[in-house]
């Protein structure tokens, strides 16, 4: 038996340490997969938001809200687009205005909205599975929109539209 003085001794691992190591490795492998699972919302939800925000006007461009610009048929603000893009790990549509007012504005804006909803849905609800109402109110009122009474009227409009 050849003895190598440079060989390091193996430290025995308890079975509990082994289980914890494997669990941690598996959790790391699957964490991103679940984080990227975007909400599955019906097309009618998006049609209603579009109708309420701009009467689904494809050429609306950007409109001055009381404080900032909102762009496109879904009236998305730059901070909303930035939050969604940061969550997605990409500049969705290349830029805020190009996404929300460009030739692919409808599909690009939906992608922004879905990433925004995924980012803030459970955050707003305190961990519970968000509902369509929560998502509509988040779209209107931001990350805490589902908690604020200021979005009740918006939800009432969406709810009427959804039937």
N, C-alpha and C. Protein backbone atom coordinates (compact mmCIF):
# COMPACT_ATOMS: atom_id res chain seq x y z
N UNK A 1 0.84 -1.18 0.00
CA UNK A 1 0.00 0.00 0.00
C UNK A 1 0.88 1.23 0.00
N UNK A 2 0.72 2.06 -0.98
CA UNK A 2 1.53 3.26 -1.12
C UNK A 2 0.97 4.34 -0.21
N UNK A 3 1.82 4.98 0.58
CA UNK A 3 1.39 6.03 1.49
C UNK A 3 1.79 7.38 0.90
N UNK A 4 0.81 8.24 0.68
CA UNK A 4 1.07 9.58 0.16
C UNK A 4 0.91 10.57 1.32
N UNK A 5 2.01 11.21 1.75
CA UNK A 5 1.93 12.13 2.88
C UNK A 5 1.12 13.39 2.57
N UNK A 6 0.94 13.71 1.27
CA UNK A 6 0.17 14.91 0.90
C UNK A 6 -1.34 14.66 0.84
N UNK A 7 -1.70 13.41 0.93
CA UNK A 7 -3.12 13.06 0.84
C UNK A 7 -3.86 13.52 2.10
N UNK A 8 -4.98 14.20 1.88
CA UNK A 8 -5.75 14.70 3.02
C UNK A 8 -6.65 13.60 3.55
N UNK A 9 -6.86 13.65 4.85
CA UNK A 9 -7.76 12.68 5.46
C UNK A 9 -9.19 13.06 5.14
N UNK A 10 -10.00 12.08 4.89
CA UNK A 10 -11.43 12.31 4.66
C UNK A 10 -12.12 12.42 6.00
N UNK A 11 -12.93 13.44 6.12
CA UNK A 11 -13.69 13.62 7.34
C UNK A 11 -15.03 12.93 7.14
N UNK A 12 -15.37 12.00 8.00
CA UNK A 12 -16.64 11.29 7.81
C UNK A 12 -17.83 12.23 7.97
N UNK A 13 -18.82 12.01 7.13
CA UNK A 13 -20.02 12.83 7.16
C UNK A 13 -21.15 12.01 7.77
N UNK A 14 -21.85 12.61 8.72
CA UNK A 14 -22.98 11.90 9.32
C UNK A 14 -24.08 11.77 8.27
N UNK A 15 -24.98 10.85 8.49
CA UNK A 15 -26.07 10.68 7.53
C UNK A 15 -26.96 11.93 7.50
N UNK A 16 -27.12 12.61 8.62
CA UNK A 16 -27.93 13.83 8.65
C UNK A 16 -27.25 14.92 7.83
N UNK A 17 -25.95 15.06 7.94
CA UNK A 17 -25.23 16.05 7.14
C UNK A 17 -25.37 15.74 5.65
N UNK A 18 -25.33 14.47 5.31
CA UNK A 18 -25.49 14.07 3.91
C UNK A 18 -26.87 14.43 3.38
N UNK A 19 -27.89 14.18 4.18
CA UNK A 19 -29.26 14.52 3.78
C UNK A 19 -29.39 16.03 3.61
N UNK A 20 -28.83 16.80 4.53
CA UNK A 20 -28.90 18.26 4.43
C UNK A 20 -28.17 18.77 3.20
N UNK A 21 -27.01 18.18 2.89
CA UNK A 21 -26.25 18.60 1.72
C UNK A 21 -27.04 18.32 0.44
N UNK A 22 -27.60 17.14 0.33
CA UNK A 22 -28.37 16.78 -0.86
C UNK A 22 -29.60 17.68 -0.98
N UNK A 23 -30.28 17.93 0.14
CA UNK A 23 -31.46 18.81 0.13
C UNK A 23 -31.09 20.20 -0.34
N UNK A 24 -29.98 20.73 0.16
CA UNK A 24 -29.54 22.07 -0.23
C UNK A 24 -29.21 22.13 -1.72
N UNK A 25 -28.54 21.09 -2.22
CA UNK A 25 -28.20 21.06 -3.64
C UNK A 25 -29.45 20.99 -4.51
N UNK A 26 -30.40 20.15 -4.13
CA UNK A 26 -31.64 20.05 -4.89
C UNK A 26 -32.44 21.34 -4.84
N UNK A 27 -32.48 21.97 -3.68
CA UNK A 27 -33.22 23.24 -3.54
C UNK A 27 -32.61 24.28 -4.46
N UNK A 28 -31.30 24.32 -4.55
CA UNK A 28 -30.63 25.27 -5.43
C UNK A 28 -30.96 25.01 -6.89
N UNK A 29 -31.07 23.74 -7.25
CA UNK A 29 -31.38 23.39 -8.65
C UNK A 29 -32.79 23.80 -9.04
N UNK A 30 -33.74 23.69 -8.10
CA UNK A 30 -35.14 23.93 -8.44
C UNK A 30 -35.62 25.33 -8.10
N UNK A 31 -34.89 26.08 -7.30
CA UNK A 31 -35.35 27.41 -6.86
C UNK A 31 -35.66 28.31 -8.05
N UNK A 32 -34.76 28.39 -9.00
CA UNK A 32 -34.98 29.28 -10.14
C UNK A 32 -36.16 28.82 -10.99
N UNK A 33 -36.34 27.53 -11.10
CA UNK A 33 -37.44 27.01 -11.91
C UNK A 33 -38.78 27.50 -11.37
N UNK A 34 -38.94 27.45 -10.04
CA UNK A 34 -40.21 27.88 -9.46
C UNK A 34 -40.34 29.39 -9.47
N UNK A 35 -39.25 30.10 -9.33
CA UNK A 35 -39.30 31.56 -9.34
C UNK A 35 -39.74 32.08 -10.70
N UNK A 36 -39.47 31.30 -11.75
CA UNK A 36 -39.79 31.76 -13.09
C UNK A 36 -41.18 31.34 -13.56
N UNK A 37 -41.90 30.60 -12.72
CA UNK A 37 -43.25 30.18 -13.10
C UNK A 37 -44.18 31.39 -13.01
N UNK A 38 -44.48 31.98 -14.16
CA UNK A 38 -45.30 33.19 -14.19
C UNK A 38 -46.78 32.84 -14.01
N UNK A 39 -47.56 33.78 -13.47
CA UNK A 39 -48.99 33.50 -13.28
C UNK A 39 -49.68 33.14 -14.59
N UNK A 40 -50.64 32.24 -14.49
CA UNK A 40 -51.43 31.84 -15.66
C UNK A 40 -52.77 32.56 -15.58
N UNK A 41 -52.87 33.69 -16.27
CA UNK A 41 -54.07 34.51 -16.22
C UNK A 41 -54.82 34.44 -17.54
N UNK A 42 -56.15 34.45 -17.50
CA UNK A 42 -56.92 34.35 -18.74
C UNK A 42 -56.77 35.60 -19.62
N UNK A 43 -56.90 35.41 -20.92
CA UNK A 43 -56.82 36.53 -21.87
C UNK A 43 -57.83 37.62 -21.53
N UNK A 44 -58.99 37.21 -21.04
CA UNK A 44 -60.03 38.19 -20.71
C UNK A 44 -59.54 39.17 -19.64
N UNK A 45 -58.72 38.70 -18.72
CA UNK A 45 -58.15 39.59 -17.69
C UNK A 45 -57.36 40.71 -18.36
N UNK A 46 -56.51 40.34 -19.31
CA UNK A 46 -55.69 41.35 -20.00
C UNK A 46 -56.55 42.28 -20.85
N UNK A 47 -57.58 41.72 -21.50
CA UNK A 47 -58.49 42.56 -22.29
C UNK A 47 -59.19 43.59 -21.41
N UNK A 48 -59.58 43.17 -20.22
CA UNK A 48 -60.26 44.09 -19.30
C UNK A 48 -59.32 45.18 -18.80
N UNK A 49 -58.12 44.81 -18.42
CA UNK A 49 -57.14 45.82 -17.97
C UNK A 49 -56.89 46.81 -19.11
N UNK A 50 -56.71 46.31 -20.30
CA UNK A 50 -56.45 47.15 -21.47
C UNK A 50 -57.62 48.11 -21.71
N UNK A 51 -58.83 47.58 -21.63
CA UNK A 51 -60.03 48.40 -21.85
C UNK A 51 -60.13 49.51 -20.81
N UNK A 52 -59.88 49.17 -19.56
CA UNK A 52 -60.00 50.14 -18.47
C UNK A 52 -58.90 51.20 -18.55
N UNK A 53 -57.69 50.78 -18.90
CA UNK A 53 -56.56 51.71 -18.92
C UNK A 53 -56.61 52.69 -20.09
N UNK A 54 -57.02 52.21 -21.27
CA UNK A 54 -56.89 53.07 -22.46
C UNK A 54 -57.99 52.86 -23.50
N UNK A 55 -59.03 52.14 -23.11
CA UNK A 55 -60.03 51.69 -24.08
C UNK A 55 -59.34 50.86 -25.17
N UNK A 56 -58.24 50.24 -24.77
CA UNK A 56 -57.39 49.41 -25.64
C UNK A 56 -56.97 50.15 -26.91
N UNK A 57 -56.63 51.39 -26.74
CA UNK A 57 -56.17 52.23 -27.86
C UNK A 57 -54.73 51.89 -28.21
N UNK A 58 -54.48 51.27 -29.37
CA UNK A 58 -53.12 50.85 -29.73
C UNK A 58 -52.18 52.02 -30.03
N UNK A 59 -52.74 53.19 -30.28
CA UNK A 59 -51.87 54.33 -30.62
C UNK A 59 -51.84 55.39 -29.52
N UNK A 60 -52.15 54.99 -28.30
CA UNK A 60 -52.23 55.96 -27.20
C UNK A 60 -50.87 56.57 -26.84
N UNK A 61 -49.80 55.82 -27.06
CA UNK A 61 -48.48 56.34 -26.69
C UNK A 61 -48.34 56.49 -25.20
N UNK A 62 -47.78 57.62 -24.75
CA UNK A 62 -47.58 57.87 -23.32
C UNK A 62 -48.47 59.03 -22.87
N UNK A 63 -49.02 58.89 -21.69
CA UNK A 63 -49.95 59.87 -21.13
C UNK A 63 -49.42 60.32 -19.77
N UNK A 64 -49.51 61.61 -19.50
CA UNK A 64 -49.08 62.14 -18.21
C UNK A 64 -50.11 61.81 -17.14
N UNK A 65 -49.71 60.98 -16.19
CA UNK A 65 -50.51 60.77 -14.99
C UNK A 65 -50.22 61.95 -14.07
N UNK A 66 -50.84 62.00 -12.91
CA UNK A 66 -50.54 63.13 -12.03
C UNK A 66 -49.04 63.32 -11.74
N UNK A 67 -48.28 62.25 -11.69
CA UNK A 67 -46.87 62.36 -11.32
C UNK A 67 -45.92 61.96 -12.43
N UNK A 68 -46.21 60.86 -13.12
CA UNK A 68 -45.28 60.32 -14.12
C UNK A 68 -46.01 59.91 -15.39
N UNK A 69 -45.23 59.57 -16.40
CA UNK A 69 -45.79 59.07 -17.65
C UNK A 69 -46.22 57.61 -17.50
N UNK A 70 -47.31 57.27 -18.16
CA UNK A 70 -47.75 55.88 -18.30
C UNK A 70 -47.88 55.63 -19.79
N UNK A 71 -47.36 54.47 -20.24
CA UNK A 71 -47.28 54.23 -21.69
C UNK A 71 -48.01 52.97 -22.13
N UNK A 72 -48.54 53.07 -23.35
CA UNK A 72 -49.12 51.93 -24.04
C UNK A 72 -50.54 51.63 -23.61
N UNK A 73 -51.16 50.67 -24.28
CA UNK A 73 -52.55 50.31 -24.00
C UNK A 73 -52.80 49.88 -22.55
N UNK A 74 -51.76 49.37 -21.87
CA UNK A 74 -51.91 48.96 -20.47
C UNK A 74 -51.45 50.05 -19.50
N UNK A 75 -50.99 51.19 -20.05
CA UNK A 75 -50.55 52.34 -19.24
C UNK A 75 -49.53 51.93 -18.17
N UNK A 76 -48.39 51.43 -18.64
CA UNK A 76 -47.31 50.97 -17.77
C UNK A 76 -46.30 52.09 -17.53
N UNK A 77 -45.99 52.31 -16.26
CA UNK A 77 -45.01 53.33 -15.87
C UNK A 77 -43.60 52.76 -15.98
N UNK A 78 -42.63 53.64 -16.08
CA UNK A 78 -41.24 53.20 -16.21
C UNK A 78 -40.79 52.38 -15.01
N UNK A 79 -41.15 52.79 -13.79
CA UNK A 79 -40.73 52.05 -12.59
C UNK A 79 -41.31 50.63 -12.59
N UNK A 80 -42.52 50.47 -13.08
CA UNK A 80 -43.19 49.17 -13.20
C UNK A 80 -42.37 48.30 -14.15
N UNK A 81 -42.04 48.86 -15.33
CA UNK A 81 -41.24 48.14 -16.32
C UNK A 81 -39.88 47.76 -15.74
N UNK A 82 -39.25 48.69 -15.00
CA UNK A 82 -37.93 48.42 -14.41
C UNK A 82 -38.01 47.28 -13.40
N UNK A 83 -39.02 47.29 -12.53
CA UNK A 83 -39.18 46.22 -11.54
C UNK A 83 -39.38 44.87 -12.23
N UNK A 84 -40.22 44.84 -13.24
CA UNK A 84 -40.48 43.59 -13.97
C UNK A 84 -39.23 43.11 -14.69
N UNK A 85 -38.51 44.03 -15.31
CA UNK A 85 -37.29 43.68 -16.04
C UNK A 85 -36.22 43.16 -15.10
N UNK A 86 -36.09 43.80 -13.95
CA UNK A 86 -35.11 43.34 -12.95
C UNK A 86 -35.45 41.93 -12.51
N UNK A 87 -36.72 41.66 -12.27
CA UNK A 87 -37.16 40.33 -11.86
C UNK A 87 -36.88 39.30 -12.96
N UNK A 88 -37.14 39.69 -14.21
CA UNK A 88 -36.95 38.78 -15.35
C UNK A 88 -35.47 38.58 -15.69
N UNK A 89 -34.62 39.49 -15.22
CA UNK A 89 -33.19 39.40 -15.53
C UNK A 89 -32.86 39.86 -16.93
N UNK A 90 -33.71 40.71 -17.50
CA UNK A 90 -33.48 41.24 -18.85
C UNK A 90 -34.22 42.56 -19.00
N UNK A 91 -33.79 43.37 -19.93
CA UNK A 91 -34.54 44.58 -20.26
C UNK A 91 -35.65 44.17 -21.22
N UNK A 92 -36.82 43.89 -20.66
CA UNK A 92 -37.93 43.36 -21.46
C UNK A 92 -38.25 44.31 -22.61
N UNK A 93 -38.22 43.78 -23.82
CA UNK A 93 -38.54 44.57 -25.01
C UNK A 93 -37.48 45.58 -25.37
N UNK A 94 -36.32 45.52 -24.73
CA UNK A 94 -35.23 46.43 -25.04
C UNK A 94 -35.29 47.75 -24.29
N UNK A 95 -36.46 48.20 -23.92
CA UNK A 95 -36.63 49.45 -23.19
C UNK A 95 -38.09 49.68 -22.87
N UNK A 96 -38.35 50.55 -21.92
CA UNK A 96 -39.71 50.80 -21.45
C UNK A 96 -40.64 51.27 -22.58
N UNK A 97 -40.28 52.33 -23.25
CA UNK A 97 -41.16 52.87 -24.30
C UNK A 97 -41.23 51.97 -25.52
N UNK A 98 -40.09 51.35 -25.88
CA UNK A 98 -40.12 50.47 -27.06
C UNK A 98 -41.00 49.24 -26.77
N UNK A 99 -41.00 48.79 -25.53
CA UNK A 99 -41.84 47.64 -25.16
C UNK A 99 -43.31 48.03 -25.14
N UNK A 100 -43.63 49.13 -24.49
CA UNK A 100 -45.04 49.46 -24.25
C UNK A 100 -45.73 50.19 -25.40
N UNK A 101 -44.95 50.76 -26.33
CA UNK A 101 -45.56 51.50 -27.43
C UNK A 101 -45.11 51.02 -28.81
N UNK A 102 -44.16 50.08 -28.85
CA UNK A 102 -43.62 49.60 -30.12
C UNK A 102 -44.54 48.60 -30.81
N UNK A 103 -44.05 48.02 -31.91
CA UNK A 103 -44.88 47.11 -32.71
C UNK A 103 -45.36 45.87 -31.95
N UNK A 104 -44.60 45.42 -30.94
CA UNK A 104 -45.00 44.25 -30.16
C UNK A 104 -45.57 44.64 -28.79
N UNK A 105 -46.17 45.83 -28.72
CA UNK A 105 -46.58 46.40 -27.44
C UNK A 105 -47.52 45.51 -26.63
N UNK A 106 -48.41 44.80 -27.28
CA UNK A 106 -49.38 43.99 -26.53
C UNK A 106 -48.69 42.81 -25.85
N UNK A 107 -47.94 42.03 -26.61
CA UNK A 107 -47.27 40.86 -26.02
C UNK A 107 -46.15 41.28 -25.08
N UNK A 108 -45.44 42.34 -25.43
CA UNK A 108 -44.35 42.80 -24.57
C UNK A 108 -44.90 43.32 -23.24
N UNK A 109 -45.96 44.09 -23.30
CA UNK A 109 -46.57 44.62 -22.08
C UNK A 109 -47.11 43.50 -21.20
N UNK A 110 -47.69 42.47 -21.81
CA UNK A 110 -48.17 41.32 -21.04
C UNK A 110 -47.01 40.65 -20.31
N UNK A 111 -45.87 40.52 -21.00
CA UNK A 111 -44.69 39.92 -20.37
C UNK A 111 -44.24 40.76 -19.18
N UNK A 112 -44.26 42.07 -19.34
CA UNK A 112 -43.92 42.97 -18.23
C UNK A 112 -44.88 42.74 -17.07
N UNK A 113 -46.17 42.72 -17.37
CA UNK A 113 -47.17 42.56 -16.32
C UNK A 113 -47.02 41.23 -15.60
N UNK A 114 -46.81 40.15 -16.33
CA UNK A 114 -46.66 38.84 -15.70
C UNK A 114 -45.45 38.79 -14.78
N UNK A 115 -44.34 39.37 -15.22
CA UNK A 115 -43.15 39.39 -14.36
C UNK A 115 -43.37 40.27 -13.14
N UNK A 116 -44.06 41.37 -13.31
CA UNK A 116 -44.39 42.26 -12.18
C UNK A 116 -45.29 41.53 -11.19
N UNK A 117 -46.29 40.82 -11.70
CA UNK A 117 -47.21 40.08 -10.84
C UNK A 117 -46.47 38.97 -10.09
N UNK A 118 -45.57 38.28 -10.79
CA UNK A 118 -44.83 37.21 -10.13
C UNK A 118 -43.93 37.79 -9.04
N UNK A 119 -43.34 38.94 -9.32
CA UNK A 119 -42.45 39.56 -8.34
C UNK A 119 -43.23 40.01 -7.09
N UNK A 120 -44.38 40.61 -7.27
CA UNK A 120 -45.07 41.24 -6.15
C UNK A 120 -46.34 40.54 -5.67
N UNK A 121 -46.79 39.49 -6.35
CA UNK A 121 -48.03 38.83 -5.96
C UNK A 121 -48.05 38.35 -4.52
N UNK A 122 -47.17 37.43 -4.18
CA UNK A 122 -47.14 36.89 -2.82
C UNK A 122 -46.63 37.91 -1.81
N UNK A 123 -45.80 38.82 -2.27
CA UNK A 123 -45.31 39.90 -1.40
C UNK A 123 -46.50 40.73 -0.93
N UNK A 124 -47.38 41.07 -1.83
CA UNK A 124 -48.55 41.89 -1.50
C UNK A 124 -49.54 41.13 -0.61
N UNK A 125 -49.72 39.86 -0.88
CA UNK A 125 -50.73 39.08 -0.16
C UNK A 125 -50.21 38.51 1.15
N UNK A 126 -48.96 38.73 1.46
CA UNK A 126 -48.40 38.18 2.69
C UNK A 126 -48.13 36.69 2.59
N UNK A 127 -47.93 36.20 1.37
CA UNK A 127 -47.56 34.80 1.18
C UNK A 127 -48.65 33.92 0.61
N UNK A 128 -49.89 34.35 0.68
CA UNK A 128 -50.97 33.51 0.14
C UNK A 128 -50.96 33.60 -1.39
N UNK A 129 -51.53 32.57 -2.02
CA UNK A 129 -51.63 32.54 -3.48
C UNK A 129 -52.46 33.74 -3.95
N UNK A 130 -51.91 34.59 -4.82
CA UNK A 130 -52.66 35.76 -5.28
C UNK A 130 -53.84 35.37 -6.17
N UNK A 131 -54.87 36.18 -6.13
CA UNK A 131 -56.07 35.99 -6.95
C UNK A 131 -56.03 36.98 -8.12
N UNK A 132 -56.95 36.83 -9.03
CA UNK A 132 -57.07 37.80 -10.14
C UNK A 132 -57.31 39.20 -9.58
N UNK A 133 -58.11 39.29 -8.53
CA UNK A 133 -58.34 40.59 -7.89
C UNK A 133 -57.02 41.19 -7.41
N UNK A 134 -56.20 40.38 -6.74
CA UNK A 134 -54.91 40.88 -6.26
C UNK A 134 -54.07 41.42 -7.41
N UNK A 135 -54.01 40.66 -8.50
CA UNK A 135 -53.19 41.09 -9.64
C UNK A 135 -53.70 42.39 -10.25
N UNK A 136 -55.01 42.52 -10.38
CA UNK A 136 -55.58 43.76 -10.93
C UNK A 136 -55.23 44.94 -10.04
N UNK A 137 -55.35 44.75 -8.74
CA UNK A 137 -55.08 45.83 -7.79
C UNK A 137 -53.59 46.15 -7.73
N UNK A 138 -52.73 45.16 -7.91
CA UNK A 138 -51.28 45.39 -7.97
C UNK A 138 -50.95 46.19 -9.23
N UNK A 139 -51.59 45.84 -10.35
CA UNK A 139 -51.36 46.59 -11.59
C UNK A 139 -51.70 48.06 -11.38
N UNK A 140 -52.78 48.33 -10.70
CA UNK A 140 -53.24 49.70 -10.49
C UNK A 140 -52.49 50.42 -9.37
N UNK A 141 -52.17 49.70 -8.30
CA UNK A 141 -51.63 50.36 -7.11
C UNK A 141 -50.22 50.02 -6.72
N UNK A 142 -49.52 49.24 -7.55
CA UNK A 142 -48.13 48.93 -7.26
C UNK A 142 -47.97 47.73 -6.33
N UNK A 143 -46.75 47.54 -5.81
CA UNK A 143 -46.43 46.35 -5.01
C UNK A 143 -47.36 46.09 -3.83
N UNK A 144 -47.93 47.12 -3.23
CA UNK A 144 -48.86 46.96 -2.10
C UNK A 144 -50.31 47.19 -2.52
N UNK A 145 -50.56 47.27 -3.81
CA UNK A 145 -51.89 47.62 -4.31
C UNK A 145 -53.02 46.74 -3.83
N UNK A 146 -52.74 45.46 -3.59
CA UNK A 146 -53.82 44.56 -3.17
C UNK A 146 -54.26 44.84 -1.74
N UNK A 147 -53.48 45.63 -1.00
CA UNK A 147 -53.81 45.94 0.39
C UNK A 147 -54.50 47.30 0.56
N UNK A 148 -54.46 48.13 -0.46
CA UNK A 148 -54.94 49.51 -0.32
C UNK A 148 -56.37 49.69 -0.82
N UNK A 149 -57.16 50.37 -0.01
CA UNK A 149 -58.55 50.63 -0.40
C UNK A 149 -58.63 51.53 -1.63
N UNK A 150 -57.54 52.24 -1.93
CA UNK A 150 -57.54 53.12 -3.10
C UNK A 150 -57.68 52.35 -4.41
N UNK A 151 -57.46 51.03 -4.38
CA UNK A 151 -57.60 50.22 -5.60
C UNK A 151 -58.94 49.48 -5.67
N UNK A 152 -59.80 49.69 -4.69
CA UNK A 152 -61.11 49.01 -4.68
C UNK A 152 -61.94 49.38 -5.91
N UNK A 153 -61.97 50.66 -6.25
CA UNK A 153 -62.75 51.12 -7.41
C UNK A 153 -62.23 50.53 -8.70
N UNK A 154 -60.90 50.43 -8.81
CA UNK A 154 -60.30 49.83 -10.00
C UNK A 154 -60.73 48.37 -10.11
N UNK A 155 -60.64 47.65 -8.99
CA UNK A 155 -61.04 46.25 -9.01
C UNK A 155 -62.52 46.12 -9.38
N UNK A 156 -63.37 47.01 -8.91
CA UNK A 156 -64.79 46.96 -9.25
C UNK A 156 -64.98 47.06 -10.77
N UNK A 157 -64.21 47.92 -11.43
CA UNK A 157 -64.29 48.04 -12.90
C UNK A 157 -63.83 46.75 -13.57
N UNK A 158 -62.71 46.19 -13.10
CA UNK A 158 -62.19 44.95 -13.69
C UNK A 158 -63.20 43.82 -13.47
N UNK A 159 -63.73 43.73 -12.27
CA UNK A 159 -64.69 42.68 -11.93
C UNK A 159 -65.93 42.76 -12.83
N UNK A 160 -66.45 43.97 -13.04
CA UNK A 160 -67.61 44.14 -13.94
C UNK A 160 -67.27 43.69 -15.36
N UNK A 161 -66.09 44.04 -15.80
CA UNK A 161 -65.65 43.66 -17.15
C UNK A 161 -65.53 42.14 -17.29
N UNK A 162 -64.98 41.51 -16.25
CA UNK A 162 -64.80 40.06 -16.28
C UNK A 162 -66.14 39.33 -16.25
N UNK A 163 -67.15 39.99 -15.71
CA UNK A 163 -68.49 39.39 -15.64
C UNK A 163 -68.59 38.53 -14.44
